[in-house]
Amino acid sequence: LQVWDESIFLQITRDMIAGEDHTPYQLPGIKFFVGSAIAVFGDNWFSWRAPSVIFGMLVLIVFYKILCNFVSERSALFVTTLLSFDTIFFVHSTLFLRDVPLMFFGLFSFYLSLRKRYYLSALVLGFAFLIKETAMFFLIFLAIYYIGITKPWKGIRVKIPVTFVVIMVVMFVI
């Protein structure tokens, strides 16, 4: 049984496996993972959804690792548990949708940038862009985080508060 956008993405993936591309406006990233699962396990419900379940578990691991940089391990475990029981996250990580793999690659990119592996972080963020255009929000977040940590404006006299500029840029993008 297919639900929501699954039926659309599944048909697009089947067309890609057959060597046809009727939707050049759809980014090909998620089709690679599900197409590989279909090639290995056959065209059934398990192969459609197994990559999303795996990415869902990976999101929880990366999310926990990121939180451990900012809060105690106990608090990180509590918040990660809350995320795992969130209805939207739970449902999306069990269906053939693009959001959970996008979250994994975006969060993993942030984790790598916390470890100062910037080139690898950019490469992983590129995978996020191959899945969905909203990876742009992860790029904006990484830029704001990097600017906030490094404070490149230090020593420069600015008449407009930097916080105001950041808020305006974020509002413009949204």
Protein backbone atom coordinates (compact mmCIF):
# COMPACT_ATOMS: atom_id res chain seq x y z
CA LEU A 1 0.00 0.00 0.00
CA GLN A 2 1.45 3.34 -1.06
CA VAL A 3 0.57 6.56 0.70
CA TRP A 4 0.90 10.28 -0.03
CA ASP A 5 3.84 11.25 -2.19
CA GLU A 6 5.20 7.72 -2.08
CA SER A 7 3.23 6.72 -5.13
CA ILE A 8 4.63 9.64 -7.13
CA PHE A 9 8.24 9.09 -6.02
CA LEU A 10 7.91 5.37 -6.61
CA GLN A 11 6.74 5.82 -10.20
CA ILE A 12 9.53 8.32 -10.82
CA THR A 13 12.05 5.80 -9.42
CA ARG A 14 10.64 3.00 -11.57
CA ASP A 15 10.98 5.24 -14.63
CA MET A 16 14.58 6.01 -13.67
CA ILE A 17 15.37 2.29 -13.33
CA ALA A 18 13.85 1.76 -16.79
CA GLY A 19 16.17 4.47 -18.17
CA GLU A 20 13.50 7.13 -18.64
CA ASP A 21 13.31 10.55 -17.03
CA HIS A 22 9.87 12.13 -17.24
CA THR A 23 10.58 14.51 -14.37
CA PRO A 24 13.84 16.40 -14.93
CA TYR A 25 12.71 18.92 -12.32
CA GLN A 26 12.92 16.26 -9.57
CA LEU A 27 16.34 15.97 -7.96
CA PRO A 28 17.78 12.45 -8.39
CA GLY A 29 19.34 11.86 -4.94
CA ILE A 30 16.66 9.78 -3.22
CA LYS A 31 15.99 7.77 -6.37
CA PHE A 32 19.55 6.46 -6.17
CA PHE A 33 19.04 4.97 -2.71
CA VAL A 34 15.58 3.52 -3.31
CA GLY A 35 16.49 2.38 -6.82
CA SER A 36 19.43 0.47 -5.34
CA ALA A 37 17.16 -1.11 -2.74
CA ILE A 38 14.67 -2.11 -5.46
CA ALA A 39 17.50 -3.64 -7.49
CA VAL A 40 18.64 -5.69 -4.48
CA PHE A 41 15.35 -6.63 -2.78
CA GLY A 42 12.83 -6.36 -5.62
CA ASP A 43 9.98 -3.94 -6.20
CA ASN A 44 8.05 -4.29 -2.93
CA TRP A 45 7.13 -2.32 0.18
CA PHE A 46 10.32 -3.32 2.01
CA SER A 47 12.68 -2.00 -0.64
CA TRP A 48 10.70 1.25 -0.95
CA ARG A 49 10.85 2.00 2.77
CA ALA A 50 14.05 0.37 4.06
CA PRO A 51 16.30 3.30 3.04
CA SER A 52 14.06 5.76 4.89
CA VAL A 53 14.10 3.62 8.03
CA ILE A 54 17.90 3.39 7.88
CA PHE A 55 18.21 7.13 7.36
CA GLY A 56 15.79 7.68 10.26
CA MET A 57 18.04 5.70 12.57
CA LEU A 58 21.10 7.53 11.29
CA VAL A 59 19.39 10.90 11.91
CA LEU A 60 18.87 9.94 15.55
CA ILE A 61 22.53 8.98 15.97
CA VAL A 62 23.85 12.16 14.34
CA PHE A 63 21.33 14.30 16.22
CA TYR A 64 22.49 12.79 19.51
CA LYS A 65 26.16 13.35 18.63
CA ILE A 66 25.48 17.00 17.76
CA LEU A 67 23.57 17.58 20.98
CA CYS A 68 26.41 16.08 23.03
CA ASN A 69 28.51 19.06 21.91
CA PHE A 70 26.11 21.52 23.52
CA VAL A 71 24.40 19.76 26.45
CA SER A 72 25.06 16.83 28.77
CA GLU A 73 24.79 13.27 27.45
CA ARG A 74 21.70 12.68 29.56
CA SER A 75 19.93 15.72 28.13
CA ALA A 76 21.02 14.76 24.62
CA LEU A 77 19.61 11.27 25.07
CA PHE A 78 16.33 12.69 26.40
CA VAL A 79 15.90 15.10 23.46
CA THR A 80 16.85 12.39 20.95
CA THR A 81 14.24 10.10 22.51
CA LEU A 82 11.66 12.87 22.17
CA LEU A 83 12.56 13.23 18.49
CA SER A 84 12.26 9.48 17.93
CA PHE A 85 8.71 9.50 19.31
CA ASP A 86 7.64 12.60 17.39
CA THR A 87 4.72 11.63 15.17
CA ILE A 88 5.86 13.46 12.04
CA PHE A 89 9.43 12.16 12.30
CA PHE A 90 8.24 8.62 13.02
CA VAL A 91 5.85 8.56 10.06
CA HIS A 92 8.26 10.20 7.63
CA SER A 93 11.08 7.84 8.59
CA THR A 94 8.94 4.83 7.68
CA LEU A 95 7.79 6.02 4.25
CA PHE A 96 9.49 6.62 0.91
CA LEU A 97 9.77 10.40 1.29
CA ARG A 98 12.69 12.78 0.81
CA ASP A 99 12.62 14.61 4.15
CA VAL A 100 14.42 12.14 6.42
CA PRO A 101 17.40 11.50 4.08
CA LEU A 102 17.65 15.28 3.66
CA MET A 103 17.71 15.68 7.46
CA PHE A 104 20.45 13.07 7.73
CA PHE A 105 22.75 14.69 5.19
CA GLY A 106 22.07 18.21 6.55
CA LEU A 107 22.69 17.22 10.16
CA PHE A 108 25.71 15.11 9.24
CA SER A 109 27.14 18.11 7.40
CA PHE A 110 26.69 20.21 10.53
CA TYR A 111 28.30 17.50 12.66
CA LEU A 112 31.30 17.37 10.32
CA SER A 113 31.65 21.16 10.46
CA LEU A 114 31.66 20.94 14.27
CA ARG A 115 34.59 18.52 13.90
CA LYS A 116 36.28 21.08 11.59
CA ARG A 117 36.08 18.81 8.55
CA TYR A 118 34.84 21.56 6.28
CA TYR A 119 35.52 19.97 2.89
CA LEU A 120 33.81 16.74 3.87
CA SER A 121 30.96 18.79 5.35
CA ALA A 122 30.52 20.59 2.03
CA LEU A 123 30.53 17.28 0.16
CA VAL A 124 27.86 15.82 2.43
CA LEU A 125 25.79 18.99 2.10
CA GLY A 126 26.06 18.51 -1.66
CA PHE A 127 24.34 15.14 -1.24
CA ALA A 128 21.57 16.95 0.65
CA PHE A 129 21.16 19.31 -2.30
CA LEU A 130 20.79 16.29 -4.61
CA ILE A 131 17.78 15.17 -2.58
CA LYS A 132 15.79 18.35 -2.05
CA GLU A 133 16.15 22.09 -2.62
CA THR A 134 15.38 22.88 1.01
CA ALA A 135 18.95 21.86 1.84
CA MET A 136 19.49 25.59 1.36
CA PHE A 137 18.22 26.05 4.92
CA PHE A 138 21.05 23.87 6.22
CA LEU A 139 23.53 25.96 4.25
CA ILE A 140 22.10 29.16 5.73
CA PHE A 141 22.21 27.65 9.20
CA LEU A 142 25.83 26.58 8.75
CA ALA A 143 26.75 30.07 7.55
CA ILE A 144 25.02 31.78 10.47
CA TYR A 145 26.58 29.35 12.94
CA TYR A 146 30.04 29.82 11.46
CA ILE A 147 29.71 33.62 11.49
CA GLY A 148 28.42 33.52 15.06
CA ILE A 149 31.31 31.36 16.26
CA THR A 150 34.19 33.01 14.39
CA LYS A 151 32.86 36.59 14.71
CA PRO A 152 34.63 37.95 11.62
CA TRP A 153 33.24 41.41 12.31
CA LYS A 154 35.27 41.68 15.54
CA GLY A 155 37.24 44.90 15.52
CA ILE A 156 35.09 46.47 12.79
CA ARG A 157 32.86 49.36 13.76
CA VAL A 158 29.38 48.77 12.40
CA LYS A 159 26.55 51.24 12.84
CA ILE A 160 23.83 48.65 12.19
CA PRO A 161 23.69 45.86 14.78
CA VAL A 162 24.84 42.57 13.28
CA THR A 163 21.89 40.78 14.86
CA PHE A 164 19.53 43.00 12.90
CA VAL A 165 21.31 42.18 9.63
CA VAL A 166 21.19 38.43 10.34
CA ILE A 167 17.47 38.61 11.16
CA MET A 168 16.77 40.54 7.95
CA VAL A 169 18.71 38.05 5.83
CA VAL A 170 16.86 35.10 7.38
CA MET A 171 13.49 36.83 6.90
CA PHE A 172 14.34 37.56 3.27
CA VAL A 173 15.27 33.95 2.59
CA ILE A 174 12.17 32.56 4.29
